[in-house]
Amino acid sequence: MRISALSESSSERSEAMFPELVTDLLKDGYKVSFNAPGHSMYPTILANEPVLVEPIDPAAVHKGDIVLYRTNGHLIAHRVMGIVSDDKANEYSSLIEAFSPDIDLPPSNTNFKLEKGNAPQDSKLCGSTEKLFFILRGDASHNFDEPVKSEQVLGKVISIERNGNSINPYSRQHKLTCWLYKSSFRLKTFWGLRKPAQ
């Protein structure tokens, strides 16, 4: 019994140390590979699939990138849906509501309208000296994460290992495969709902 208690304690310590280790390695300029748990990036990244993350300067992040960030002691890899500068920070809740059709919350700022001038932008449109905030979402989710500060961003996912092959998650082939999967799932769901009762 002591052995299992020790192994559980060691396992808990290892889980607590993992985000620290990954953070330190990425900040020191090393690439990091680990199995990504969860289904939030499905079908782009499957549960427990190995991913390779390289360090990135937050000013170099672009819309569509999959970034690894740290929040509340956890590591999360999600896709960048938008980037806003510090002067737009007070509009976060409105931006998230505007970009999340599933959120049924009353708007916090009823005068806010999503226009071309205040939509999330690519980082190259924001000055590199400005503090950037990122709007992220898992590919399998309809809801956005809390806005992520630039200092929380650790790295960018640059490859996924699937069936012994290294896959570029930004390649046209991979994007097409994911789109076809999502489309076929939607069609199956649609036709499944429309089947006549027997």
N, C-alpha and C. Protein backbone atom coordinates (compact mmCIF):
# COMPACT_ATOMS: atom_id res chain seq x y z
N MET A 1 0.81 -1.20 0.00
CA MET A 1 0.00 0.00 0.00
C MET A 1 0.85 1.26 0.00
N ARG A 2 1.95 1.24 0.70
CA ARG A 2 2.80 2.41 0.71
C ARG A 2 3.33 2.72 -0.68
N ILE A 3 3.62 1.69 -1.43
CA ILE A 3 4.16 1.89 -2.78
C ILE A 3 3.15 2.63 -3.64
N SER A 4 1.89 2.22 -3.59
CA SER A 4 0.89 2.90 -4.40
C SER A 4 0.67 4.32 -3.92
N ALA A 5 0.72 4.53 -2.60
CA ALA A 5 0.57 5.88 -2.06
C ALA A 5 1.73 6.75 -2.52
N LEU A 6 2.93 6.19 -2.53
CA LEU A 6 4.08 6.95 -3.00
C LEU A 6 3.97 7.25 -4.48
N SER A 7 3.52 6.26 -5.26
CA SER A 7 3.42 6.50 -6.69
C SER A 7 2.34 7.53 -7.00
N GLU A 8 1.24 7.52 -6.24
CA GLU A 8 0.21 8.54 -6.45
C GLU A 8 0.76 9.91 -6.12
N SER A 9 1.50 10.00 -5.03
CA SER A 9 2.09 11.26 -4.63
C SER A 9 3.10 11.73 -5.68
N SER A 10 3.91 10.82 -6.19
CA SER A 10 4.87 11.14 -7.24
C SER A 10 4.16 11.58 -8.50
N SER A 11 3.08 10.90 -8.82
CA SER A 11 2.31 11.25 -10.02
C SER A 11 1.72 12.65 -9.89
N GLU A 12 1.18 12.95 -8.71
CA GLU A 12 0.61 14.29 -8.49
C GLU A 12 1.69 15.35 -8.60
N ARG A 13 2.88 15.07 -8.03
CA ARG A 13 3.98 16.03 -8.12
C ARG A 13 4.43 16.20 -9.57
N SER A 14 4.48 15.11 -10.32
CA SER A 14 4.88 15.19 -11.72
C SER A 14 3.90 16.03 -12.51
N GLU A 15 2.60 15.84 -12.26
CA GLU A 15 1.59 16.64 -12.96
C GLU A 15 1.71 18.11 -12.61
N ALA A 16 2.03 18.40 -11.37
CA ALA A 16 2.18 19.80 -10.95
C ALA A 16 3.46 20.41 -11.54
N MET A 17 4.50 19.59 -11.72
CA MET A 17 5.77 20.09 -12.25
C MET A 17 5.76 20.24 -13.77
N PHE A 18 4.90 19.49 -14.46
CA PHE A 18 4.92 19.48 -15.91
C PHE A 18 4.73 20.88 -16.52
N PRO A 19 3.71 21.65 -16.11
CA PRO A 19 3.57 23.00 -16.68
C PRO A 19 4.79 23.88 -16.42
N GLU A 20 5.39 23.75 -15.24
CA GLU A 20 6.60 24.52 -14.91
C GLU A 20 7.75 24.15 -15.83
N LEU A 21 7.94 22.86 -16.02
CA LEU A 21 9.03 22.37 -16.87
C LEU A 21 8.85 22.84 -18.32
N VAL A 22 7.65 22.66 -18.85
CA VAL A 22 7.37 23.09 -20.23
C VAL A 22 7.57 24.59 -20.38
N THR A 23 7.07 25.35 -19.41
CA THR A 23 7.23 26.81 -19.44
C THR A 23 8.71 27.20 -19.46
N ASP A 24 9.48 26.60 -18.57
CA ASP A 24 10.91 26.92 -18.51
C ASP A 24 11.63 26.55 -19.80
N LEU A 25 11.34 25.37 -20.34
CA LEU A 25 12.01 24.94 -21.58
C LEU A 25 11.69 25.87 -22.75
N LEU A 26 10.41 26.22 -22.90
CA LEU A 26 10.03 27.11 -24.00
C LEU A 26 10.62 28.51 -23.82
N LYS A 27 10.64 29.01 -22.60
CA LYS A 27 11.23 30.33 -22.35
C LYS A 27 12.73 30.33 -22.58
N ASP A 28 13.37 29.17 -22.43
CA ASP A 28 14.80 29.06 -22.69
C ASP A 28 15.11 28.78 -24.16
N GLY A 29 14.06 28.71 -25.01
CA GLY A 29 14.27 28.56 -26.45
C GLY A 29 14.22 27.15 -26.98
N TYR A 30 13.84 26.18 -26.16
CA TYR A 30 13.78 24.79 -26.60
C TYR A 30 12.40 24.45 -27.16
N LYS A 31 12.38 23.55 -28.14
CA LYS A 31 11.13 22.97 -28.61
C LYS A 31 10.71 21.89 -27.63
N VAL A 32 9.41 21.68 -27.47
CA VAL A 32 8.90 20.71 -26.52
C VAL A 32 7.88 19.82 -27.23
N SER A 33 7.94 18.51 -26.96
CA SER A 33 6.98 17.57 -27.51
C SER A 33 6.31 16.85 -26.35
N PHE A 34 4.98 16.72 -26.42
CA PHE A 34 4.24 16.01 -25.39
C PHE A 34 2.91 15.55 -25.98
N ASN A 35 2.26 14.61 -25.30
CA ASN A 35 0.95 14.13 -25.72
C ASN A 35 -0.10 15.12 -25.23
N ALA A 36 -0.89 15.63 -26.16
CA ALA A 36 -1.91 16.62 -25.84
C ALA A 36 -3.18 15.91 -25.36
N PRO A 37 -3.55 16.09 -24.10
CA PRO A 37 -4.77 15.44 -23.60
C PRO A 37 -6.01 16.20 -24.03
N GLY A 38 -7.14 15.55 -23.99
CA GLY A 38 -8.41 16.22 -24.24
C GLY A 38 -8.84 16.21 -25.69
N HIS A 39 -10.06 16.68 -25.90
CA HIS A 39 -10.69 16.67 -27.22
C HIS A 39 -11.01 18.06 -27.75
N SER A 40 -10.53 19.10 -27.09
CA SER A 40 -10.95 20.46 -27.46
C SER A 40 -10.47 20.89 -28.85
N MET A 41 -9.42 20.27 -29.39
CA MET A 41 -8.92 20.66 -30.72
C MET A 41 -9.29 19.63 -31.79
N TYR A 42 -10.22 18.75 -31.49
CA TYR A 42 -10.67 17.73 -32.44
C TYR A 42 -11.37 18.38 -33.63
N PRO A 43 -11.16 17.97 -34.85
CA PRO A 43 -10.33 16.87 -35.34
C PRO A 43 -8.90 17.27 -35.70
N THR A 44 -8.51 18.52 -35.47
CA THR A 44 -7.14 18.93 -35.79
C THR A 44 -6.12 18.14 -34.99
N ILE A 45 -6.34 18.06 -33.67
CA ILE A 45 -5.47 17.29 -32.79
C ILE A 45 -6.35 16.30 -32.04
N LEU A 46 -6.02 15.01 -32.15
CA LEU A 46 -6.79 13.98 -31.46
C LEU A 46 -6.29 13.84 -30.02
N ALA A 47 -7.13 13.28 -29.15
CA ALA A 47 -6.76 13.11 -27.74
C ALA A 47 -5.49 12.30 -27.60
N ASN A 48 -4.58 12.77 -26.78
CA ASN A 48 -3.30 12.13 -26.47
C ASN A 48 -2.38 11.98 -27.67
N GLU A 49 -2.55 12.81 -28.65
CA GLU A 49 -1.68 12.81 -29.82
C GLU A 49 -0.44 13.65 -29.52
N PRO A 50 0.75 13.17 -29.90
CA PRO A 50 1.95 13.97 -29.67
C PRO A 50 1.96 15.24 -30.52
N VAL A 51 2.28 16.36 -29.88
CA VAL A 51 2.41 17.63 -30.59
C VAL A 51 3.80 18.20 -30.31
N LEU A 52 4.32 18.96 -31.28
CA LEU A 52 5.60 19.63 -31.12
C LEU A 52 5.33 21.12 -31.05
N VAL A 53 5.83 21.76 -29.99
CA VAL A 53 5.61 23.18 -29.76
C VAL A 53 6.96 23.88 -29.77
N GLU A 54 7.04 25.00 -30.50
CA GLU A 54 8.26 25.80 -30.50
C GLU A 54 7.97 27.15 -29.84
N PRO A 55 8.98 27.75 -29.23
CA PRO A 55 8.77 29.06 -28.62
C PRO A 55 8.37 30.09 -29.67
N ILE A 56 7.57 31.07 -29.27
CA ILE A 56 7.16 32.12 -30.19
C ILE A 56 7.05 33.44 -29.45
N ASP A 57 7.44 34.50 -30.13
CA ASP A 57 7.25 35.85 -29.61
C ASP A 57 5.78 36.19 -29.82
N PRO A 58 5.06 36.62 -28.78
CA PRO A 58 3.63 36.93 -28.95
C PRO A 58 3.35 37.91 -30.09
N ALA A 59 4.29 38.80 -30.39
CA ALA A 59 4.09 39.75 -31.49
C ALA A 59 4.10 39.05 -32.85
N ALA A 60 4.61 37.81 -32.91
CA ALA A 60 4.68 37.06 -34.17
C ALA A 60 3.48 36.13 -34.36
N VAL A 61 2.56 36.08 -33.39
CA VAL A 61 1.39 35.21 -33.49
C VAL A 61 0.40 35.80 -34.48
N HIS A 62 -0.20 34.92 -35.29
CA HIS A 62 -1.18 35.34 -36.29
C HIS A 62 -2.50 34.62 -36.06
N LYS A 63 -3.55 35.20 -36.55
CA LYS A 63 -4.86 34.57 -36.51
C LYS A 63 -4.76 33.21 -37.21
N GLY A 64 -5.31 32.17 -36.58
CA GLY A 64 -5.24 30.82 -37.14
C GLY A 64 -4.16 29.95 -36.53
N ASP A 65 -3.17 30.58 -35.86
CA ASP A 65 -2.12 29.80 -35.20
C ASP A 65 -2.71 29.02 -34.03
N ILE A 66 -2.12 27.89 -33.73
CA ILE A 66 -2.47 27.13 -32.52
C ILE A 66 -1.38 27.43 -31.51
N VAL A 67 -1.73 28.13 -30.44
CA VAL A 67 -0.73 28.52 -29.46
C VAL A 67 -0.94 27.78 -28.15
N LEU A 68 0.18 27.55 -27.47
CA LEU A 68 0.17 26.96 -26.14
C LEU A 68 0.28 28.11 -25.16
N TYR A 69 -0.66 28.17 -24.21
CA TYR A 69 -0.59 29.21 -23.20
C TYR A 69 -0.83 28.62 -21.83
N ARG A 70 -0.46 29.41 -20.82
CA ARG A 70 -0.59 28.94 -19.45
C ARG A 70 -1.63 29.78 -18.72
N THR A 71 -2.53 29.10 -18.01
CA THR A 71 -3.54 29.78 -17.21
C THR A 71 -3.84 28.94 -15.98
N ASN A 72 -3.85 29.57 -14.83
CA ASN A 72 -4.17 28.90 -13.56
C ASN A 72 -3.39 27.61 -13.36
N GLY A 73 -2.11 27.60 -13.74
CA GLY A 73 -1.27 26.43 -13.55
C GLY A 73 -1.47 25.33 -14.57
N HIS A 74 -2.30 25.55 -15.58
CA HIS A 74 -2.54 24.55 -16.62
C HIS A 74 -2.01 25.05 -17.96
N LEU A 75 -1.72 24.10 -18.85
CA LEU A 75 -1.31 24.43 -20.22
C LEU A 75 -2.46 24.11 -21.16
N ILE A 76 -2.75 25.02 -22.08
CA ILE A 76 -3.83 24.83 -23.04
C ILE A 76 -3.32 25.21 -24.42
N ALA A 77 -3.62 24.40 -25.41
CA ALA A 77 -3.28 24.70 -26.81
C ALA A 77 -4.60 24.90 -27.57
N HIS A 78 -4.87 26.11 -27.99
CA HIS A 78 -6.07 26.45 -28.75
C HIS A 78 -5.73 27.38 -29.90
N ARG A 79 -6.67 27.50 -30.82
CA ARG A 79 -6.47 28.30 -32.02
C ARG A 79 -6.76 29.78 -31.76
N VAL A 80 -5.93 30.64 -32.34
CA VAL A 80 -6.12 32.09 -32.23
C VAL A 80 -7.22 32.50 -33.21
N MET A 81 -8.29 33.06 -32.66
CA MET A 81 -9.41 33.53 -33.47
C MET A 81 -9.34 35.03 -33.71
N GLY A 82 -8.60 35.73 -32.87
CA GLY A 82 -8.45 37.16 -33.02
C GLY A 82 -7.39 37.70 -32.09
N ILE A 83 -6.88 38.88 -32.42
CA ILE A 83 -5.86 39.54 -31.62
C ILE A 83 -6.27 40.99 -31.47
N VAL A 84 -6.24 41.47 -30.24
CA VAL A 84 -6.57 42.88 -29.99
C VAL A 84 -5.45 43.52 -29.20
N SER A 85 -5.31 44.82 -29.35
CA SER A 85 -4.29 45.55 -28.61
C SER A 85 -4.86 46.03 -27.27
N ASP A 86 -3.99 46.52 -26.44
CA ASP A 86 -4.35 46.93 -25.08
C ASP A 86 -5.48 47.95 -25.05
N ASP A 87 -5.52 48.86 -26.02
CA ASP A 87 -6.56 49.89 -26.00
C ASP A 87 -7.94 49.33 -26.30
N LYS A 88 -8.03 48.09 -26.76
CA LYS A 88 -9.33 47.45 -27.02
C LYS A 88 -9.70 46.48 -25.90
N ALA A 89 -8.88 46.40 -24.86
CA ALA A 89 -9.08 45.40 -23.81
C ALA A 89 -10.46 45.51 -23.14
N ASN A 90 -10.99 46.72 -23.02
CA ASN A 90 -12.28 46.89 -22.35
C ASN A 90 -13.43 46.36 -23.19
N GLU A 91 -13.19 45.98 -24.42
CA GLU A 91 -14.25 45.49 -25.29
C GLU A 91 -14.26 43.95 -25.38
N TYR A 92 -13.45 43.27 -24.55
CA TYR A 92 -13.35 41.81 -24.62
C TYR A 92 -14.69 41.11 -24.54
N SER A 93 -15.44 41.43 -23.52
CA SER A 93 -16.69 40.68 -23.35
C SER A 93 -17.60 40.87 -24.54
N SER A 94 -17.62 42.06 -25.10
CA SER A 94 -18.46 42.30 -26.28
C SER A 94 -17.92 41.56 -27.49
N LEU A 95 -16.60 41.53 -27.64
CA LEU A 95 -16.01 40.79 -28.76
C LEU A 95 -16.32 39.32 -28.65
N ILE A 96 -16.16 38.77 -27.46
CA ILE A 96 -16.41 37.34 -27.27
C ILE A 96 -17.88 37.04 -27.53
N GLU A 97 -18.78 37.88 -27.06
CA GLU A 97 -20.21 37.67 -27.32
C GLU A 97 -20.50 37.76 -28.81
N ALA A 98 -19.86 38.70 -29.49
CA ALA A 98 -20.10 38.86 -30.92
C ALA A 98 -19.58 37.68 -31.73
N PHE A 99 -18.47 37.07 -31.27
CA PHE A 99 -17.88 35.95 -32.00
C PHE A 99 -18.37 34.60 -31.53
N SER A 100 -19.13 34.54 -30.45
CA SER A 100 -19.65 33.29 -29.91
C SER A 100 -21.16 33.26 -30.04
N PRO A 101 -21.69 32.67 -31.10
CA PRO A 101 -23.13 32.66 -31.27
C PRO A 101 -23.88 31.86 -30.21
N ASP A 102 -23.19 30.97 -29.49
CA ASP A 102 -23.86 30.12 -28.50
C ASP A 102 -23.99 30.77 -27.14
N ILE A 103 -23.35 31.91 -26.95
CA ILE A 103 -23.42 32.57 -25.65
C ILE A 103 -24.74 33.32 -25.55
N ASP A 104 -25.52 33.02 -24.51
CA ASP A 104 -26.82 33.65 -24.33
C ASP A 104 -26.81 34.72 -23.26
N LEU A 105 -25.66 35.33 -23.04
CA LEU A 105 -25.55 36.36 -22.02
C LEU A 105 -25.99 37.70 -22.59
N PRO A 106 -26.60 38.57 -21.78
CA PRO A 106 -26.92 39.90 -22.27
C PRO A 106 -25.64 40.67 -22.51
N PRO A 107 -25.55 41.49 -23.55
CA PRO A 107 -24.32 42.22 -23.83
C PRO A 107 -23.98 43.14 -22.66
N SER A 108 -22.69 43.18 -22.32
CA SER A 108 -22.26 44.02 -21.22
C SER A 108 -22.20 45.48 -21.64
N ASN A 109 -22.03 45.73 -22.92
CA ASN A 109 -21.98 47.10 -23.42
C ASN A 109 -22.96 47.18 -24.59
N THR A 110 -24.13 47.69 -24.37
CA THR A 110 -25.16 47.66 -25.40
C THR A 110 -24.86 48.61 -26.55
N ASN A 111 -23.96 49.57 -26.35
CA ASN A 111 -23.62 50.50 -27.43
C ASN A 111 -22.54 49.95 -28.35
N PHE A 112 -21.91 48.84 -27.96
CA PHE A 112 -20.83 48.28 -28.75
C PHE A 112 -21.38 47.57 -29.97
N LYS A 113 -20.81 47.86 -31.12
CA LYS A 113 -21.16 47.17 -32.35
C LYS A 113 -19.88 46.65 -32.97
N LEU A 114 -19.93 45.43 -33.47
CA LEU A 114 -18.77 44.84 -34.11
C LEU A 114 -18.64 45.43 -35.50
N GLU A 115 -17.63 46.22 -35.67
CA GLU A 115 -17.38 46.87 -36.95
C GLU A 115 -15.97 46.52 -37.39
N LYS A 116 -15.67 46.86 -38.62
CA LYS A 116 -14.36 46.54 -39.17
C LYS A 116 -13.24 47.12 -38.31
N GLY A 117 -13.43 48.29 -37.77
CA GLY A 117 -12.39 48.96 -37.00
C GLY A 117 -12.11 48.35 -35.65
N ASN A 118 -13.06 47.59 -35.07
CA ASN A 118 -12.80 47.06 -33.74
C ASN A 118 -12.87 45.54 -33.68
N ALA A 119 -12.86 44.88 -34.83
CA ALA A 119 -12.81 43.42 -34.86
C ALA A 119 -11.40 42.96 -34.51
N PRO A 120 -11.24 41.73 -33.99
CA PRO A 120 -9.91 41.22 -33.70
C PRO A 120 -9.05 41.25 -34.96
N GLN A 121 -7.80 41.65 -34.77
CA GLN A 121 -6.92 41.82 -35.91
C GLN A 121 -5.75 40.87 -35.84
N ASP A 122 -5.05 40.78 -36.94
CA ASP A 122 -3.82 40.02 -36.99
C ASP A 122 -2.75 40.83 -36.26
N SER A 123 -1.79 40.15 -35.63
CA SER A 123 -0.80 40.86 -34.83
C SER A 123 0.04 41.83 -35.66
N LYS A 124 0.19 41.58 -36.95
CA LYS A 124 1.00 42.49 -37.75
C LYS A 124 0.31 43.84 -37.92
N LEU A 125 -0.99 43.90 -37.66
CA LEU A 125 -1.70 45.17 -37.73
C LEU A 125 -1.59 45.96 -36.43
N CYS A 126 -1.23 45.28 -35.34
CA CYS A 126 -1.03 45.93 -34.06
C CYS A 126 0.45 46.20 -33.92
N GLY A 127 0.82 47.34 -33.39
CA GLY A 127 2.22 47.64 -33.19
C GLY A 127 2.88 46.63 -32.27
N SER A 128 4.12 46.25 -32.56
CA SER A 128 4.79 45.23 -31.76
C SER A 128 5.06 45.71 -30.34
N THR A 129 5.05 47.04 -30.12
CA THR A 129 5.31 47.55 -28.78
C THR A 129 4.05 47.55 -27.93
N GLU A 130 2.90 47.40 -28.55
CA GLU A 130 1.65 47.38 -27.80
C GLU A 130 1.49 46.05 -27.07
N LYS A 131 0.76 46.08 -25.96
CA LYS A 131 0.43 44.85 -25.25
C LYS A 131 -0.71 44.18 -26.00
N LEU A 132 -0.52 42.91 -26.37
CA LEU A 132 -1.52 42.19 -27.15
C LEU A 132 -2.32 41.24 -26.28
N PHE A 133 -3.57 41.05 -26.63
CA PHE A 133 -4.44 40.08 -26.00
C PHE A 133 -4.99 39.18 -27.10
N PHE A 134 -5.13 37.89 -26.79
CA PHE A 134 -5.53 36.91 -27.80
C PHE A 134 -6.88 36.31 -27.45
N ILE A 135 -7.71 36.16 -28.46
CA ILE A 135 -9.00 35.49 -28.32
C ILE A 135 -8.82 34.11 -28.94
N LEU A 136 -8.98 33.08 -28.11
CA LEU A 136 -8.70 31.70 -28.51
C LEU A 136 -9.92 30.83 -28.32
N ARG A 137 -9.92 29.73 -29.08
CA ARG A 137 -11.00 28.76 -28.97
C ARG A 137 -10.49 27.41 -29.46
N GLY A 138 -10.96 26.35 -28.82
CA GLY A 138 -10.66 25.00 -29.31
C GLY A 138 -11.49 24.74 -30.56
N ASP A 139 -10.95 24.00 -31.50
CA ASP A 139 -11.66 23.73 -32.76
C ASP A 139 -12.97 22.99 -32.54
N ALA A 140 -13.07 22.20 -31.47
CA ALA A 140 -14.29 21.44 -31.21
C ALA A 140 -15.29 22.21 -30.35
N SER A 141 -14.95 23.43 -30.00
CA SER A 141 -15.80 24.21 -29.09
C SER A 141 -16.50 25.35 -29.81
N HIS A 142 -17.65 25.73 -29.25
CA HIS A 142 -18.36 26.91 -29.76
C HIS A 142 -18.07 28.12 -28.88
N ASN A 143 -17.45 27.89 -27.74
CA ASN A 143 -17.19 28.96 -26.79
C ASN A 143 -15.73 29.36 -26.81
N PHE A 144 -15.48 30.63 -26.55
CA PHE A 144 -14.13 31.16 -26.52
C PHE A 144 -13.56 31.06 -25.12
N ASP A 145 -12.22 30.98 -25.05
CA ASP A 145 -11.52 31.02 -23.78
C ASP A 145 -11.55 32.45 -23.26
N GLU A 146 -11.21 32.61 -21.99
CA GLU A 146 -11.01 33.94 -21.45
C GLU A 146 -9.89 34.59 -22.27
N PRO A 147 -9.92 35.90 -22.47
CA PRO A 147 -8.83 36.55 -23.22
C PRO A 147 -7.47 36.23 -22.59
N VAL A 148 -6.49 36.00 -23.45
CA VAL A 148 -5.16 35.59 -23.03
C VAL A 148 -4.19 36.74 -23.22
N LYS A 149 -3.47 37.06 -22.16
CA LYS A 149 -2.46 38.13 -22.23
C LYS A 149 -1.23 37.62 -22.95
N SER A 150 -0.48 38.54 -23.55
CA SER A 150 0.70 38.14 -24.32
C SER A 150 1.72 37.40 -23.46
N GLU A 151 1.84 37.76 -22.18
CA GLU A 151 2.82 37.07 -21.33
C GLU A 151 2.42 35.64 -20.98
N GLN A 152 1.17 35.26 -21.25
CA GLN A 152 0.73 33.88 -21.01
C GLN A 152 1.09 32.97 -22.18
N VAL A 153 1.34 33.53 -23.35
CA VAL A 153 1.64 32.74 -24.55
C VAL A 153 3.06 32.18 -24.45
N LEU A 154 3.17 30.85 -24.59
CA LEU A 154 4.46 30.18 -24.46
C LEU A 154 5.04 29.73 -25.79
N GLY A 155 4.18 29.23 -26.70
CA GLY A 155 4.70 28.68 -27.93
C GLY A 155 3.60 28.41 -28.94
N LYS A 156 4.04 27.91 -30.08
CA LYS A 156 3.13 27.61 -31.20
C LYS A 156 3.27 26.14 -31.56
N VAL A 157 2.13 25.46 -31.74
CA VAL A 157 2.15 24.07 -32.19
C VAL A 157 2.59 24.07 -33.65
N ILE A 158 3.67 23.34 -33.94
CA ILE A 158 4.19 23.33 -35.31
C ILE A 158 4.00 21.99 -36.01
N SER A 159 3.76 20.93 -35.24
CA SER A 159 3.47 19.65 -35.89
C SER A 159 2.73 18.72 -34.93
N ILE A 160 2.06 17.75 -35.55
CA ILE A 160 1.30 16.74 -34.84
C ILE A 160 1.80 15.40 -35.36
N GLU A 161 1.97 14.43 -34.47
CA GLU A 161 2.37 13.10 -34.91
C GLU A 161 1.15 12.20 -34.92
N ARG A 162 0.84 11.65 -36.09
CA ARG A 162 -0.32 10.77 -36.23
C ARG A 162 0.08 9.57 -37.07
N ASN A 163 -0.13 8.37 -36.53
CA ASN A 163 0.18 7.11 -37.23
C ASN A 163 1.62 7.09 -37.74
N GLY A 164 2.53 7.60 -36.93
CA GLY A 164 3.95 7.58 -37.29
C GLY A 164 4.37 8.66 -38.25
N ASN A 165 3.45 9.54 -38.65
CA ASN A 165 3.78 10.62 -39.58
C ASN A 165 3.70 11.96 -38.88
N SER A 166 4.55 12.88 -39.30
CA SER A 166 4.51 14.24 -38.79
C SER A 166 3.59 15.06 -39.69
N ILE A 167 2.60 15.71 -39.09
CA ILE A 167 1.60 16.47 -39.85
C ILE A 167 1.74 17.95 -39.53
N ASN A 168 1.75 18.76 -40.56
CA ASN A 168 1.73 20.22 -40.37
C ASN A 168 0.27 20.63 -40.19
N PRO A 169 -0.12 21.13 -39.00
CA PRO A 169 -1.53 21.47 -38.78
C PRO A 169 -2.02 22.67 -39.59
N TYR A 170 -1.09 23.35 -40.27
CA TYR A 170 -1.46 24.53 -41.07
C TYR A 170 -1.46 24.24 -42.57
N SER A 171 -1.15 22.97 -42.95
CA SER A 171 -1.11 22.63 -44.37
C SER A 171 -2.52 22.58 -44.96
N ARG A 172 -2.61 22.84 -46.22
CA ARG A 172 -3.92 22.80 -46.91
C ARG A 172 -4.53 21.41 -46.84
N GLN A 173 -3.68 20.39 -46.98
CA GLN A 173 -4.17 19.01 -46.94
C GLN A 173 -4.81 18.70 -45.59
N HIS A 174 -4.14 19.08 -44.50
CA HIS A 174 -4.68 18.80 -43.17
C HIS A 174 -5.96 19.61 -42.93
N LYS A 175 -5.96 20.87 -43.35
CA LYS A 175 -7.16 21.70 -43.17
C LYS A 175 -8.33 21.13 -43.97
N LEU A 176 -8.06 20.64 -45.18
CA LEU A 176 -9.12 20.05 -46.00
C LEU A 176 -9.65 18.77 -45.35
N THR A 177 -8.75 17.95 -44.83
CA THR A 177 -9.17 16.72 -44.15
C THR A 177 -10.08 17.04 -42.97
N CYS A 178 -9.70 18.03 -42.16
CA CYS A 178 -10.51 18.42 -41.00
C CYS A 178 -11.85 18.98 -41.45
N TRP A 179 -11.84 19.79 -42.50
CA TRP A 179 -13.09 20.38 -43.01
C TRP A 179 -14.03 19.28 -43.52
N LEU A 180 -13.48 18.31 -44.26
CA LEU A 180 -14.30 17.21 -44.76
C LEU A 180 -14.89 16.40 -43.62
N TYR A 181 -14.10 16.16 -42.58
CA TYR A 181 -14.61 15.41 -41.44
C TYR A 181 -15.75 16.17 -40.77
N LYS A 182 -15.54 17.46 -40.52
CA LYS A 182 -16.59 18.26 -39.87
C LYS A 182 -17.85 18.32 -40.74
N SER A 183 -17.67 18.48 -42.04
CA SER A 183 -18.82 18.55 -42.95
C SER A 183 -19.59 17.24 -42.97
N SER A 184 -18.86 16.12 -43.03
CA SER A 184 -19.56 14.83 -43.06
C SER A 184 -20.28 14.59 -41.74
N PHE A 185 -19.70 15.02 -40.62
CA PHE A 185 -20.35 14.87 -39.32
C PHE A 185 -21.64 15.69 -39.29
N ARG A 186 -21.58 16.92 -39.81
CA ARG A 186 -22.78 17.78 -39.83
C ARG A 186 -23.87 17.18 -40.72
N LEU A 187 -23.47 16.63 -41.86
CA LEU A 187 -24.45 16.01 -42.75
C LEU A 187 -25.09 14.78 -42.10
N LYS A 188 -24.27 13.96 -41.45
CA LYS A 188 -24.80 12.79 -40.76
C LYS A 188 -25.77 13.21 -39.66
N THR A 189 -25.41 14.25 -38.94
CA THR A 189 -26.28 14.74 -37.87
C THR A 189 -27.57 15.28 -38.47
N PHE A 190 -27.47 16.06 -39.55
CA PHE A 190 -28.64 16.64 -40.19
C PHE A 190 -29.57 15.55 -40.71
N TRP A 191 -29.00 14.59 -41.44
CA TRP A 191 -29.83 13.53 -42.01
C TRP A 191 -30.35 12.58 -40.94
N GLY A 192 -29.59 12.41 -39.87
CA GLY A 192 -30.04 11.59 -38.75
C GLY A 192 -31.26 12.20 -38.08
N LEU A 193 -31.30 13.53 -38.03
CA LEU A 193 -32.44 14.21 -37.42
C LEU A 193 -33.66 14.22 -38.33
N ARG A 194 -33.42 14.09 -39.63
CA ARG A 194 -34.50 14.19 -40.61
C ARG A 194 -35.06 12.84 -41.02
N LYS A 195 -34.55 11.75 -40.48
CA LYS A 195 -35.07 10.43 -40.87
C LYS A 195 -36.53 10.33 -40.49
N PRO A 196 -37.33 9.78 -41.41
CA PRO A 196 -38.75 9.62 -41.09
C PRO A 196 -38.94 8.55 -40.01
N ALA A 197 -39.92 8.76 -39.16
CA ALA A 197 -40.23 7.79 -38.11
C ALA A 197 -40.79 6.51 -38.73
N GLN A 198 -40.39 5.38 -38.20
CA GLN A 198 -40.85 4.10 -38.77
C GLN A 198 -41.83 3.42 -37.87
